[in-house]
Protein backbone atom coordinates (compact mmCIF):
# COMPACT_ATOMS: atom_id res chain seq x y z
CA MET A 1 104.38 40.51 101.98
CA GLN A 2 101.83 41.60 104.58
CA ASP A 3 99.18 39.29 103.07
CA ASP A 4 101.69 36.42 103.18
CA ASN A 5 102.40 37.17 106.83
CA ILE A 6 98.71 37.15 107.72
CA CYS A 7 98.12 33.86 105.87
CA CYS A 8 101.14 32.29 107.56
CA MET A 9 99.95 33.49 110.97
CA GLU A 10 96.47 32.09 110.37
CA ALA A 11 97.99 28.76 109.36
CA PHE A 12 99.93 28.62 112.64
CA MET A 13 96.81 29.44 114.63
CA SER A 14 94.94 26.60 112.96
CA GLY A 15 97.84 24.15 113.29
CA ALA A 16 98.13 23.73 109.53
CA ILE A 17 101.82 24.65 109.52
CA ARG A 18 104.19 22.66 111.67
CA PRO A 19 107.96 22.17 111.40
CA VAL A 20 109.31 18.96 109.97
CA ALA A 21 108.72 16.27 112.57
CA GLY A 22 111.50 14.35 114.26
CA GLY A 23 111.79 12.11 117.31
CA ARG A 24 113.03 13.38 120.64
CA GLY A 25 116.77 13.42 120.74
CA GLN A 26 116.88 14.36 117.06
CA GLU A 27 117.63 18.00 117.82
CA THR A 28 121.22 17.42 116.72
CA GLY A 29 120.26 15.76 113.45
CA THR A 30 120.18 17.59 110.12
CA THR A 31 117.77 17.72 107.22
CA GLU A 32 118.98 16.49 103.86
CA THR A 33 118.14 19.77 102.15
CA ALA A 34 118.96 22.49 104.66
CA GLY A 35 121.52 21.08 107.05
CA LEU A 36 119.36 22.36 109.90
CA PRO A 37 118.51 20.71 113.23
CA LEU A 38 115.25 18.78 113.23
CA ILE A 39 113.03 20.11 116.00
CA LYS A 40 110.01 18.07 116.98
CA ASP A 41 108.45 20.53 119.41
CA PRO A 42 109.80 24.12 119.24
CA HIS A 43 107.66 25.06 122.26
CA ALA A 44 109.60 22.61 124.43
CA VAL A 45 113.00 24.14 123.61
CA ALA A 46 114.62 25.89 126.57
CA PRO A 47 115.04 29.69 126.23
CA GLN A 48 118.84 29.54 126.09
CA ASP A 49 118.72 26.82 123.42
CA ALA A 50 116.02 28.76 121.55
CA ARG A 51 118.29 31.80 121.28
CA GLU A 52 121.13 29.73 119.83
CA LEU A 53 118.83 27.84 117.45
CA THR A 54 117.26 31.11 116.33
CA ARG A 55 120.69 32.45 115.43
CA VAL A 56 121.46 29.31 113.43
CA PHE A 57 118.13 29.30 111.61
CA LEU A 58 118.32 33.02 110.78
CA GLN A 59 121.76 32.52 109.26
CA ARG A 60 120.62 29.60 107.10
CA LEU A 61 117.40 31.37 106.16
CA ARG A 62 119.41 34.10 104.41
CA GLU A 63 121.33 31.46 102.46
CA LEU A 64 118.35 29.35 101.35
CA GLU A 65 116.32 30.01 98.25
CA GLU A 66 112.91 31.47 99.01
CA GLY A 67 110.02 29.15 98.17
CA THR A 68 111.92 25.91 98.70
CA ALA A 69 110.91 23.32 101.28
CA ALA A 70 114.07 24.00 103.25
CA TYR A 71 113.35 27.74 103.32
CA GLN A 72 109.80 27.16 104.54
CA TYR A 73 111.02 24.76 107.22
CA ALA A 74 113.55 27.30 108.49
CA ARG A 75 111.08 30.19 108.47
CA ASN A 76 108.25 28.23 110.07
CA THR A 77 110.51 26.89 112.82
CA LEU A 78 111.81 30.39 113.52
CA ILE A 79 108.24 31.60 113.97
CA GLU A 80 107.48 28.76 116.38
CA LEU A 81 110.67 29.39 118.36
CA SER A 82 109.73 33.08 118.66
CA LEU A 83 106.16 32.60 119.89
CA PRO A 84 107.23 32.86 123.58
CA LEU A 85 108.20 36.45 122.77
CA VAL A 86 104.63 37.05 121.62
CA HIS A 87 103.24 35.64 124.87
CA PHE A 88 105.66 37.78 126.88
CA VAL A 89 104.64 41.02 125.15
CA ALA A 90 100.94 40.16 124.88
CA LYS A 91 100.60 39.78 128.66
CA ARG A 92 101.56 43.44 129.07
CA PHE A 93 98.67 44.55 126.87
CA ARG A 94 95.91 42.18 127.89
CA GLN A 95 93.02 44.09 129.45
CA ARG A 96 90.33 41.42 129.16
CA ASP A 97 90.58 37.67 128.80
CA ASP A 98 88.57 37.72 125.58
CA GLN A 99 91.17 40.01 123.99
CA TYR A 100 94.15 37.75 124.49
CA GLU A 101 93.69 35.61 121.38
CA ASP A 102 93.40 38.67 119.12
CA ILE A 103 96.48 40.22 120.73
CA ARG A 104 98.45 37.00 120.31
CA GLN A 105 97.56 36.79 116.64
CA VAL A 106 98.58 40.34 115.77
CA GLY A 107 101.73 39.85 117.84
CA THR A 108 102.58 36.83 115.69
CA ILE A 109 102.38 39.05 112.62
CA GLY A 110 104.99 41.25 114.28
CA VAL A 111 107.27 38.22 114.75
CA ILE A 112 106.92 37.26 111.09
CA LYS A 113 107.81 40.80 110.00
CA ALA A 114 110.82 40.80 112.30
CA ILE A 115 112.08 37.49 110.87
CA ASP A 116 111.71 38.71 107.30
CA ARG A 117 113.51 42.01 108.03
CA PHE A 118 116.21 40.95 110.47
CA ASP A 119 119.75 41.75 109.36
CA LEU A 120 122.45 39.58 110.91
CA SER A 121 125.16 42.09 110.00
CA ARG A 122 123.83 44.54 112.59
CA GLU A 123 125.02 42.27 115.42
CA VAL A 124 121.80 42.86 117.37
CA GLU A 125 120.04 40.15 119.34
CA PHE A 126 116.96 38.98 117.51
CA THR A 127 114.93 39.31 120.72
CA SER A 128 115.78 43.01 120.96
CA PHE A 129 114.89 43.45 117.30
CA ALA A 130 111.61 41.50 117.39
CA ILE A 131 109.98 42.93 120.51
CA PRO A 132 109.47 46.42 119.00
CA TYR A 133 107.80 44.80 115.98
CA ILE A 134 105.50 42.75 118.19
CA THR A 135 104.70 45.77 120.36
CA GLY A 136 104.07 47.93 117.30
CA GLU A 137 101.59 45.49 115.80
CA ILE A 138 99.69 45.20 119.08
CA LYS A 139 99.56 48.98 119.54
CA ARG A 140 98.36 49.35 115.96
CA PHE A 141 95.66 46.79 116.69
CA PHE A 142 94.40 48.83 119.63
CA ARG A 143 94.55 52.08 117.68
CA ASP A 144 92.56 50.67 114.78
CA THR A 145 89.96 48.68 116.70
CA THR A 146 89.15 50.63 119.86
CA TRP A 147 87.84 53.67 117.99
CA ALA A 148 84.12 53.62 117.27
CA VAL A 149 84.71 55.56 114.04
CA HIS A 150 87.98 55.31 112.15
CA VAL A 151 90.01 58.53 112.06
CA PRO A 152 93.55 59.17 110.76
CA ARG A 153 96.27 57.79 113.00
CA ARG A 154 97.79 61.26 113.34
CA LEU A 155 94.62 62.48 115.03
CA GLN A 156 94.34 59.34 117.16
CA GLU A 157 97.77 60.03 118.63
CA ARG A 158 97.03 63.73 119.05
CA ARG A 159 93.90 62.85 121.05
CA ILE A 160 96.13 61.37 123.77
CA GLU A 161 98.29 64.50 123.78
CA LEU A 162 95.15 66.63 124.02
CA ALA A 163 93.85 64.66 127.01
CA ARG A 164 97.17 65.04 128.84
CA ALA A 165 97.36 68.76 128.09
CA THR A 166 93.79 69.23 129.29
CA ASP A 167 94.57 67.48 132.59
CA ARG A 168 97.71 69.57 133.12
CA LEU A 169 95.96 72.86 132.46
CA GLU A 170 92.89 71.99 134.52
CA ALA A 171 95.13 71.25 137.50
CA ARG A 172 96.99 74.52 136.97
CA VAL A 173 94.14 76.98 136.32
CA GLY A 174 91.32 75.19 138.16
CA ARG A 175 88.92 75.21 135.20
CA ALA A 176 88.48 73.76 131.74
CA PRO A 177 91.21 75.21 129.50
CA THR A 178 90.35 77.26 126.45
CA THR A 179 91.27 76.20 122.94
CA GLY A 180 93.93 78.89 122.83
CA GLU A 181 95.50 77.66 126.05
CA LEU A 182 95.54 74.10 124.75
CA ALA A 183 97.12 75.23 121.49
CA GLU A 184 99.86 77.09 123.33
CA ASN A 185 100.53 74.16 125.66
CA MET A 186 100.63 71.63 122.82
CA MET A 187 102.56 74.04 120.55
CA ILE A 188 100.09 73.67 117.70
CA THR A 189 97.55 76.02 116.11
CA VAL A 190 94.05 76.66 117.41
CA GLU A 191 92.68 75.09 114.21
CA GLU A 192 94.63 71.90 114.86
CA VAL A 193 93.29 71.72 118.42
CA ALA A 194 89.74 72.05 117.11
CA GLU A 195 90.41 69.29 114.58
CA VAL A 196 91.67 66.96 117.31
CA GLN A 197 88.69 67.77 119.53
CA VAL A 198 86.28 66.87 116.73
CA ALA A 199 88.18 63.64 116.03
CA ALA A 200 88.12 62.75 119.73
CA ASN A 201 84.35 62.55 119.55
CA ALA A 202 84.76 59.45 117.36
CA TYR A 203 86.44 57.51 120.16
CA SER A 204 83.07 56.51 121.63
CA THR A 205 79.61 56.75 120.12
CA HIS A 206 76.03 56.23 121.21
CA SER A 207 73.21 54.43 119.45
CA LEU A 208 70.71 56.66 117.66
CA GLN A 209 68.01 54.59 119.34
CA MET A 210 69.19 55.66 122.79
CA PRO A 211 66.52 57.58 124.75
CA GLY A 212 66.94 61.33 125.08
CA ASN A 213 67.83 63.12 128.29
CA ASP A 214 64.17 63.63 129.19
CA HIS A 215 63.32 59.94 128.84
CA VAL A 216 61.04 58.70 131.64
CA GLU A 217 61.48 55.14 132.87
CA GLY A 218 58.57 52.94 131.82
CA LYS A 219 57.39 55.49 129.28
CA GLU A 220 58.35 55.78 125.64
CA GLY A 221 60.26 58.95 124.93
CA ASP A 222 62.11 60.59 122.09
CA THR A 223 65.24 58.91 120.78
CA LEU A 224 68.33 60.65 119.45
CA LEU A 225 67.30 59.61 115.94
CA GLY A 226 63.96 61.34 116.38
CA ARG A 227 65.73 64.61 117.16
CA ILE A 228 67.91 64.59 114.08
CA GLY A 229 66.55 66.48 111.10
CA GLN A 230 65.69 64.46 108.04
CA CYS A 231 67.35 65.05 104.69
CA ASP A 232 65.05 66.83 102.24
CA PRO A 233 65.38 65.22 98.78
CA ALA A 234 64.28 68.49 97.20
CA ILE A 235 67.45 70.20 98.44
CA GLU A 236 69.60 67.79 96.47
CA GLN A 237 67.51 68.47 93.37
CA VAL A 238 68.04 72.21 93.80
CA GLU A 239 71.79 71.65 93.98
CA ASN A 240 71.66 69.52 90.84
CA PHE A 241 69.64 72.16 88.96
CA ASN A 242 72.07 74.89 89.96
CA ALA A 243 74.97 72.75 88.75
CA LEU A 244 73.21 72.06 85.44
CA ARG A 245 72.18 75.64 84.72
CA PRO A 246 75.51 76.94 83.35
CA ALA A 247 76.09 73.69 81.45
CA LEU A 248 72.69 73.95 79.74
CA THR A 249 73.45 77.45 78.46
CA ASP A 250 76.36 76.00 76.48
CA LEU A 251 74.00 73.73 74.50
CA GLY A 252 72.39 74.75 71.22
CA ASP A 253 68.70 75.63 70.94
CA ARG A 254 67.81 72.30 69.33
CA ASP A 255 69.69 70.32 71.97
CA ARG A 256 67.91 72.16 74.79
CA ARG A 257 64.56 71.61 73.01
CA ILE A 258 65.25 67.87 72.76
CA LEU A 259 66.07 67.66 76.46
CA GLU A 260 62.92 69.63 77.31
CA MET A 261 60.70 67.34 75.25
CA TYR A 262 62.35 64.15 76.51
CA PHE A 263 62.63 64.94 80.24
CA GLY A 264 60.07 67.69 80.67
CA GLU A 265 57.24 66.68 78.33
CA GLU A 266 58.19 62.97 78.55
CA LEU A 267 57.89 62.40 74.80
CA THR A 268 59.36 59.28 73.25
CA GLN A 269 62.34 59.51 70.93
CA GLN A 270 60.10 58.72 67.97
CA GLN A 271 57.67 61.52 68.92
CA ILE A 272 60.58 63.95 69.27
CA GLY A 273 61.83 62.90 65.84
CA ASP A 274 58.40 63.55 64.33
CA VAL A 275 58.33 67.06 65.82
CA LEU A 276 61.85 67.91 64.61
CA GLY A 277 61.61 66.04 61.31
CA ILE A 278 64.48 63.66 62.04
CA SER A 279 64.72 59.92 62.67
CA GLN A 280 64.45 58.21 66.03
CA MET A 281 68.10 57.07 65.64
CA GLN A 282 69.25 60.67 65.21
CA VAL A 283 67.31 61.69 68.31
CA SER A 284 68.98 58.91 70.27
CA ARG A 285 72.46 60.03 69.17
CA LEU A 286 71.70 63.67 69.97
CA LEU A 287 70.39 62.78 73.41
CA ARG A 288 73.48 60.71 74.17
CA ARG A 289 75.80 63.51 73.04
CA CYS A 290 73.93 66.11 75.11
CA LEU A 291 74.02 63.98 78.26
CA GLU A 292 77.73 63.22 77.84
CA GLN A 293 78.46 66.93 77.41
CA LEU A 294 76.47 67.82 80.53
CA ARG A 295 78.08 65.03 82.55
CA THR A 296 81.56 66.17 81.52
CA ALA A 297 80.80 69.79 82.38
CA ILE A 298 79.46 68.92 85.84
CA THR A 299 82.32 66.53 86.61
CA GLN A 300 84.98 69.04 85.59
CA ASP A 301 83.28 71.74 87.60
């Protein structure tokens, strides 16, 4: 359903989906299939009329068969009638002009979800029901896109609590609070505080090409990347050898000899067969069996 909502929203943004057209003054007419008012321009409908039309369309939407032309007309028109709600909520979140279009689009997804999940039997105004959906989608957008590195949502929310607790304690004790003090104030464990502090570092990042603290203007200096130790490939090989050691002891003498000749002495399968007095095909099968056994042992471990 989420993919359908996104596709529908994108279609609205591009203008590909529009309600069934009708001339002005046709608002009181009905379609042959749905018995619904024909609305030429949903954006021009007055707010009071939009609320009444929304109620009518929501009622008919629950009665229509999904996938039919009448159902699509009712659903699409409902989305168009609800777009002013998106604009209303989006204005509260806009921080920069270049963000508004993104906010409007994710807010439209919230409207679509609200339409699909609205229950008329609850006797709640659709506006009151839809606004939390729109707000939730916009907040989720900011949570997922303003972090430089993605971290679990639980930790994203805890970061805000940590910042507030830090401010409270700093004002109270006149210094940076300790981890224990933060844990007591937030009523969580010291380990959880440390986890949130580490996750908070992902909120903003710096380029590895950024000059170091001792960089002199006009003179090339060390970058952060240059101060980070390089990974030694030999270390990974040592780890692999240590993982293989117990698995190799489970192999028979002949199997270990075949592996030694093939990987250590770099003999061909035919040469190994000549040494052991078996065919090249047998050597191939034995090699495959040995490697599968080693792979299984390492994976299970």
